[in-house]
Protein backbone atom coordinates (compact mmCIF):
# COMPACT_ATOMS: atom_id res chain seq x y z
CA UNK A 1 213.15 128.21 62.55
CA UNK A 2 212.88 124.82 60.80
CA UNK A 3 213.96 126.31 57.48
CA UNK A 4 216.92 128.10 59.11
CA UNK A 5 218.13 125.01 61.02
CA UNK A 6 217.81 122.86 57.90
CA UNK A 7 220.13 125.28 56.11
CA UNK A 8 222.62 125.21 59.00
CA UNK A 9 222.58 121.41 59.11
CA UNK A 10 223.24 121.31 55.36
CA UNK A 11 226.26 123.59 55.87
CA UNK A 12 227.63 121.24 58.53
CA UNK A 13 226.44 118.00 56.92
CA UNK A 14 229.88 116.41 56.86
CA UNK A 15 230.60 116.98 60.56
CA UNK A 16 227.10 115.93 61.59
CA UNK A 17 227.03 112.88 59.25
CA UNK A 18 223.48 113.47 58.07
CA UNK A 19 223.77 112.37 54.44
CA UNK A 20 220.55 113.14 52.56
CA UNK A 21 218.32 113.10 55.66
CA UNK A 22 216.17 116.17 56.41
CA UNK A 23 215.07 117.67 59.69
CA UNK A 24 211.39 117.63 60.55
CA UNK A 25 209.48 119.97 62.85
CA UNK A 26 209.33 117.43 65.68
CA UNK A 27 213.13 117.06 65.61
CA UNK A 28 213.53 120.78 66.31
CA UNK A 29 210.72 121.08 68.87
CA UNK A 30 211.77 118.05 70.95
CA UNK A 31 212.75 119.28 74.40
CA UNK A 32 212.49 122.96 73.41
CA UNK A 33 210.78 125.57 75.54
CA UNK A 34 210.30 129.06 74.09
CA UNK A 35 208.29 132.12 75.14
CA UNK A 36 207.36 134.68 72.48
CA UNK A 37 205.16 137.67 73.31
CA UNK A 38 203.24 139.35 70.47
CA UNK A 39 200.77 142.20 71.03
CA UNK A 40 198.36 143.19 68.25
CA UNK A 41 194.75 144.31 67.90
CA UNK A 42 192.12 141.85 66.68
CA UNK A 43 194.29 138.71 66.42
CA UNK A 44 193.11 135.78 64.29
CA UNK A 45 193.53 132.21 65.43
CA UNK A 46 193.39 128.83 63.75
CA UNK A 47 190.78 126.44 65.20
CA UNK A 48 188.50 126.60 68.21
CA UNK A 49 191.28 126.06 70.76
CA UNK A 50 193.09 129.25 69.62
CA UNK A 51 196.51 127.65 70.05
CA UNK A 52 197.97 128.87 66.74
CA UNK A 53 198.09 132.50 65.70
CA UNK A 54 196.77 132.82 62.15
CA UNK A 55 197.39 136.47 61.33
CA UNK A 56 199.66 136.20 58.24
CA UNK A 57 201.41 139.57 58.61
CA UNK A 58 202.37 138.93 62.23
CA UNK A 59 203.56 135.41 61.45
CA UNK A 60 205.88 136.81 58.79
CA UNK A 61 207.23 139.48 61.17
CA UNK A 62 207.85 136.94 63.95
CA UNK A 63 209.58 134.58 61.52
CA UNK A 64 211.88 137.37 60.30
CA UNK A 65 212.79 138.44 63.82
CA UNK A 66 213.59 134.88 64.89
CA UNK A 67 215.59 134.18 61.72
CA UNK A 68 217.59 137.40 62.15
CA UNK A 69 218.40 136.58 65.77
CA UNK A 70 219.43 133.03 64.96
CA UNK A 71 221.57 134.21 62.04
CA UNK A 72 223.45 136.62 64.29
CA UNK A 73 224.02 133.95 66.93
CA UNK A 74 225.11 131.23 64.49
CA UNK A 75 227.41 133.64 62.63
CA UNK A 76 229.05 134.85 65.84
CA UNK A 77 232.78 134.19 66.21
CA UNK A 78 232.68 134.17 70.02
CA UNK A 79 233.80 130.90 71.55
CA UNK A 80 230.72 130.50 73.77
CA UNK A 81 228.33 131.24 70.91
CA UNK A 82 230.06 128.75 68.63
CA UNK A 83 229.96 126.07 71.32
CA UNK A 84 226.26 126.68 72.02
CA UNK A 85 225.24 126.66 68.36
CA UNK A 86 227.21 123.44 67.81
CA UNK A 87 225.32 121.84 70.71
CA UNK A 88 221.99 122.94 69.23
CA UNK A 89 222.84 121.35 65.87
CA UNK A 90 224.05 118.17 67.56
CA UNK A 91 220.81 118.00 69.55
CA UNK A 92 218.42 118.37 66.62
CA UNK A 93 220.44 115.99 64.44
CA UNK A 94 220.48 113.40 67.24
CA UNK A 95 216.68 113.66 67.44
CA UNK A 96 216.45 113.22 63.67
CA UNK A 97 218.71 110.14 63.71
CA UNK A 98 216.74 108.59 66.57
CA UNK A 99 213.52 109.09 64.63
CA UNK A 100 214.98 107.55 61.47
CA UNK A 101 216.56 104.67 63.39
CA UNK A 102 213.28 103.84 65.15
CA UNK A 103 211.37 103.88 61.86
CA UNK A 104 214.00 101.86 60.02
CA UNK A 105 214.19 99.32 62.84
CA UNK A 106 210.55 98.39 62.26
CA UNK A 107 211.31 97.85 58.60
CA UNK A 108 214.49 95.80 59.08
CA UNK A 109 213.56 93.72 62.15
CA UNK A 110 213.48 90.03 61.18
CA UNK A 111 212.20 86.97 62.99
CA UNK A 112 214.89 84.97 64.75
CA UNK A 113 213.51 81.46 64.24
CA UNK A 114 215.27 79.55 61.47
CA UNK A 115 211.89 78.13 60.39
CA UNK A 116 210.90 81.65 59.41
CA UNK A 117 213.93 82.16 57.18
CA UNK A 118 211.72 83.03 54.19
CA UNK A 119 212.06 86.66 55.31
CA UNK A 120 215.85 86.43 55.22
CA UNK A 121 218.12 87.29 52.26
CA UNK A 122 218.20 84.61 49.57
CA UNK A 123 222.00 84.51 49.62
CA UNK A 124 222.05 83.29 53.24
CA UNK A 125 223.10 79.64 53.51
CA UNK A 126 221.48 78.80 56.84
CA UNK A 127 222.22 75.99 59.26
CA UNK A 128 219.76 73.32 60.37
CA UNK A 129 220.06 73.81 64.12
CA UNK A 130 217.70 76.09 66.05
CA UNK A 131 220.03 76.14 69.06
CA UNK A 132 221.32 79.72 69.22
CA UNK A 133 224.14 78.88 71.65
CA UNK A 134 225.79 76.38 69.29
CA UNK A 135 225.09 78.10 65.96
CA UNK A 136 227.66 80.17 64.07
CA UNK A 137 227.30 82.71 61.28
CA UNK A 138 230.33 83.05 58.99
CA UNK A 139 230.42 86.32 57.03
CA UNK A 140 232.53 85.45 54.00
CA UNK A 141 234.08 87.61 51.32
CA UNK A 142 232.60 86.98 47.89
CA UNK A 143 231.07 84.05 46.00
CA UNK A 144 234.43 82.34 45.47
CA UNK A 145 234.99 81.88 49.21
CA UNK A 146 231.30 81.00 49.64
CA UNK A 147 231.60 78.06 47.24
CA UNK A 148 234.53 76.58 49.14
CA UNK A 149 232.99 77.34 52.55
CA UNK A 150 229.76 75.52 51.61
CA UNK A 151 231.75 72.31 51.19
CA UNK A 152 233.93 72.95 54.26
CA UNK A 153 231.23 73.86 56.80
CA UNK A 154 229.28 71.71 59.21
CA UNK A 155 225.76 72.42 57.94
CA UNK A 156 224.23 71.38 61.26
CA UNK A 157 225.31 74.55 63.07
CA UNK A 158 227.36 76.73 60.66
CA UNK A 159 225.59 79.30 58.46
CA UNK A 160 227.18 81.39 55.70
CA UNK A 161 226.46 84.92 54.50
CA UNK A 162 228.48 86.22 51.53
CA UNK A 163 229.10 89.93 51.07
CA UNK A 164 230.26 91.72 47.97
CA UNK A 165 233.64 93.23 48.73
CA UNK A 166 233.84 96.31 50.90
CA UNK A 167 230.65 97.37 52.66
CA UNK A 168 229.71 100.97 53.43
CA UNK A 169 231.90 102.80 55.96
CA UNK A 170 229.18 103.44 58.55
CA UNK A 171 231.44 105.70 60.61
CA UNK A 172 230.97 108.35 57.91
CA UNK A 173 227.43 107.49 56.81
CA UNK A 174 224.04 108.44 58.24
CA UNK A 175 221.63 105.89 59.69
CA UNK A 176 219.39 105.95 56.62
CA UNK A 177 222.39 105.51 54.29
CA UNK A 178 223.54 102.53 56.35
CA UNK A 179 220.13 100.87 56.26
CA UNK A 180 219.72 101.51 52.54
CA UNK A 181 223.05 99.75 51.88
CA UNK A 182 222.23 96.20 50.73
CA UNK A 183 225.15 94.51 52.52
CA UNK A 184 224.61 96.28 55.86
CA UNK A 185 220.85 95.65 55.74
CA UNK A 186 221.43 91.96 54.96
CA UNK A 187 223.74 91.51 57.94
CA UNK A 188 221.25 93.19 60.30
CA UNK A 189 218.36 91.13 58.90
CA UNK A 190 220.25 87.83 59.20
CA UNK A 191 221.35 88.45 62.80
CA UNK A 192 217.74 89.41 63.52
CA UNK A 193 218.19 91.55 66.62
CA UNK A 194 217.69 95.02 65.14
CA UNK A 195 220.21 97.85 65.24
CA UNK A 196 221.24 100.89 67.25
CA UNK A 197 219.52 101.64 70.54
CA UNK A 198 216.74 99.17 69.76
CA UNK A 199 219.17 96.25 69.38
CA UNK A 200 217.95 93.27 71.44
CA UNK A 201 220.67 90.69 72.06
CA UNK A 202 218.10 88.09 73.10
CA UNK A 203 216.72 88.11 69.56
CA UNK A 204 220.06 87.30 67.89
CA UNK A 205 219.76 84.16 65.75
CA UNK A 206 223.38 83.01 66.17
CA UNK A 207 225.63 82.44 69.16
CA UNK A 208 228.79 83.45 67.26
CA UNK A 209 229.40 85.76 64.32
CA UNK A 210 232.72 84.98 62.63
CA UNK A 211 234.24 87.35 60.08
CA UNK A 212 236.16 85.27 57.55
CA UNK A 213 238.04 87.52 55.11
CA UNK A 214 241.10 87.03 52.94
CA UNK A 215 244.60 87.24 54.42
CA UNK A 216 245.57 90.39 52.54
CA UNK A 217 245.21 94.16 52.86
CA UNK A 218 241.74 94.20 51.28
CA UNK A 219 240.63 91.43 53.60
CA UNK A 220 241.86 93.40 56.62
CA UNK A 221 239.99 96.47 55.37
CA UNK A 222 236.77 94.49 54.94
CA UNK A 223 237.16 93.09 58.46
CA UNK A 224 237.61 96.62 59.83
CA UNK A 225 234.50 97.86 57.99
CA UNK A 226 232.45 95.00 59.40
CA UNK A 227 233.74 95.60 62.92
CA UNK A 228 232.80 99.28 62.53
CA UNK A 229 229.23 98.21 61.67
CA UNK A 230 229.05 95.96 64.74
CA UNK A 231 230.63 98.57 67.03
CA UNK A 232 228.23 101.34 66.01
CA UNK A 233 224.96 99.48 65.49
CA UNK A 234 225.22 96.03 67.15
CA UNK A 235 227.52 96.83 70.05
CA UNK A 236 226.07 94.27 72.54
CA UNK A 237 227.33 91.48 70.27
CA UNK A 238 230.90 92.70 70.87
CA UNK A 239 230.33 93.43 74.56
CA UNK A 240 229.14 89.85 75.09
CA UNK A 241 232.13 88.40 73.20
CA UNK A 242 230.05 86.95 70.36
CA UNK A 243 232.00 88.49 67.45
CA UNK A 244 235.13 86.71 66.19
CA UNK A 245 237.66 86.98 63.38
CA UNK A 246 238.74 83.78 61.68
CA UNK A 247 242.49 83.20 61.36
CA UNK A 248 243.21 81.49 58.03
CA UNK A 249 246.77 80.34 57.32
CA UNK A 250 249.11 82.33 55.12
CA UNK A 251 251.33 79.49 53.87
CA UNK A 252 251.16 75.78 53.14
CA UNK A 253 254.39 73.81 53.39
CA UNK A 254 254.39 70.28 51.96
CA UNK A 255 257.16 68.17 53.54
CA UNK A 256 258.29 65.44 51.14
CA UNK A 257 258.84 62.18 52.99
CA UNK A 258 260.95 59.38 51.46
CA UNK A 259 259.51 56.15 50.08
CA UNK A 260 255.81 55.38 50.38
CA UNK A 261 255.35 57.43 53.51
CA UNK A 262 252.72 60.14 52.78
CA UNK A 263 253.83 63.74 52.60
CA UNK A 264 253.24 65.99 55.60
CA UNK A 265 251.45 69.33 55.41
CA UNK A 266 252.35 72.23 57.70
CA UNK A 267 250.36 75.49 57.79
CA UNK A 268 251.94 78.71 59.01
CA UNK A 269 250.24 81.94 59.99
CA UNK A 270 253.00 84.53 59.68
CA UNK A 271 256.20 85.13 57.73
CA UNK A 272 258.23 84.68 60.92
CA UNK A 273 256.62 81.31 61.63
CA UNK A 274 257.24 80.22 58.02
CA UNK A 275 260.93 81.04 58.20
CA UNK A 276 261.21 79.17 61.50
CA UNK A 277 259.56 76.06 60.01
CA UNK A 278 261.79 76.14 56.91
CA UNK A 279 264.91 76.55 59.04
CA UNK A 280 263.88 73.60 61.20
CA UNK A 281 263.23 71.42 58.13
CA UNK A 282 266.63 72.27 56.64
CA UNK A 283 268.33 71.52 59.92
CA UNK A 284 266.59 68.14 60.05
CA UNK A 285 267.59 67.39 56.46
CA UNK A 286 264.01 67.25 55.22
CA UNK A 287 262.91 68.39 51.77
CA UNK A 288 259.83 70.44 50.99
CA UNK A 289 258.02 71.47 47.84
CA UNK A 290 259.19 74.77 46.38
CA UNK A 291 257.74 77.34 45.82
CA UNK A 292 255.81 77.59 49.05
CA UNK A 293 252.07 78.11 48.51
CA UNK A 294 250.97 81.53 49.74
CA UNK A 295 247.22 81.89 50.35
CA UNK A 296 245.96 85.37 49.49
CA UNK A 297 242.31 84.41 49.20
CA UNK A 298 240.09 81.86 50.91
CA UNK A 299 238.87 80.77 47.48
CA UNK A 300 242.37 79.44 46.74
CA UNK A 301 241.95 76.71 49.38
CA UNK A 302 240.40 73.32 48.82
CA UNK A 303 237.37 72.60 50.99
CA UNK A 304 239.23 70.13 53.20
CA UNK A 305 242.04 72.63 53.74
CA UNK A 306 239.58 75.41 54.69
CA UNK A 307 237.74 73.07 57.03
CA UNK A 308 240.87 71.80 58.79
CA UNK A 309 242.53 75.20 59.23
CA UNK A 310 239.74 77.75 59.59
CA UNK A 311 236.25 76.28 60.16
CA UNK A 312 236.57 73.00 62.06
CA UNK A 313 236.11 73.50 65.79
CA UNK A 314 238.76 70.88 66.47
CA UNK A 315 241.60 72.67 64.66
CA UNK A 316 240.72 76.30 63.93
CA UNK A 317 241.92 79.46 65.64
CA UNK A 318 239.50 82.34 66.31
CA UNK A 319 240.27 85.84 67.57
CA UNK A 320 237.54 87.12 69.89
CA UNK A 321 236.82 90.84 69.43
CA UNK A 322 236.70 92.67 72.76
CA UNK A 323 236.17 96.27 73.85
CA UNK A 324 238.00 96.97 77.08
CA UNK A 325 237.70 100.77 76.95
CA UNK A 326 234.58 102.00 75.16
CA UNK A 327 235.63 105.65 75.02
CA UNK A 328 239.11 104.87 73.69
CA UNK A 329 237.64 102.42 71.16
CA UNK A 330 235.17 105.04 69.97
CA UNK A 331 237.99 107.55 69.47
CA UNK A 332 240.05 104.98 67.58
CA UNK A 333 237.18 104.09 65.24
CA UNK A 334 236.64 107.78 64.55
CA UNK A 335 240.37 108.24 63.90
CA UNK A 336 240.67 105.26 61.56
CA UNK A 337 237.28 105.38 59.82
CA UNK A 338 235.95 108.93 60.33
CA UNK A 339 235.81 112.00 58.10
CA UNK A 340 239.02 113.69 59.25
CA UNK A 341 241.85 112.57 56.96
CA UNK A 342 244.76 114.58 58.39
CA UNK A 343 244.82 112.94 61.88
CA UNK A 344 244.62 109.49 60.27
CA UNK A 345 247.54 110.32 57.98
CA UNK A 346 249.60 111.55 60.94
CA UNK A 347 248.75 108.37 62.88
CA UNK A 348 249.88 106.11 60.04
CA UNK A 349 253.11 108.05 59.46
CA UNK A 350 253.99 108.18 63.16
CA UNK A 351 253.20 104.56 63.97
CA UNK A 352 254.12 102.57 60.89
CA UNK A 353 257.66 102.54 59.59
CA UNK A 354 258.12 101.34 56.02
CA UNK A 355 259.71 97.91 55.79
CA UNK A 356 260.40 97.01 52.17
CA UNK A 357 260.75 93.31 53.06
CA UNK A 358 257.09 93.22 54.16
CA UNK A 359 255.78 94.45 50.81
CA UNK A 360 254.56 91.75 48.40
CA UNK A 361 256.20 92.46 45.06
């Protein structure tokens, strides 16, 4: 039975999201009750308790009968049979993933105290404070943004974790693939509360996790990948409102004042806001530096600019990530990040009209 179900899982690996993981006997036997009657003269048993039949010929016959019956049922085109066999595969794969997740959790669990940060990734730039409620972890995109953020942060309570570009899409990956991914494992280790069903919010090392990615399409994709990781494996962080997205400005307008009066700097966060500011300046007869600076990456900002606009608690804007409808959110993550391409393509075509003016040339 184990050999047969392994083959069936391999056939449906993409739908079941199993990656390279393999079923074990305990995954198949969990929750299963079966009665098999075999009559034969002079049976041989293994061990004193006589729990396992050891007659080789009979074992082979029983295995063939079971395999033939399972093959017929799994190959059936009847709707009920297909539904039942799909449930069986989902059940054994769920057992396998739970086993792997529990084992991996022991390996990836990290101490929450900042004094024990020797177990944490070397690339983490930690804060000095041990107060979880006031501490913040900024997940930043790349070493360029990290360098600027180091100078812009308040080292008392703001920690930094750089990631290399786009992390694994965990909506498509198995648990073991997710945990073997260096970026995903680093994030789980730094937060320190585990993952999946064993996630313990009380063990989280930071009161806020803030995703700080570039203001471009790649930055939006990275933010979506990170939110997928939190939604699937660290969901209580979102439920408790402890995950945020930073809102860096898109434009910097320098207003040129006459005489010795210092120039004024205005930051805008959308194309519409920029056009409104420029129109107001023209109406007031004020001059501004041209061309307007357009930030496409956080690394393009000076440290004081990043601090004033994105990291300083006094001036920044954060978007709190919320889940109001768990079932609808789960369906949306599967639509946007799952294996099925056709529904995603239809969604994009139906909901997004092409506006040539919004395309950066």
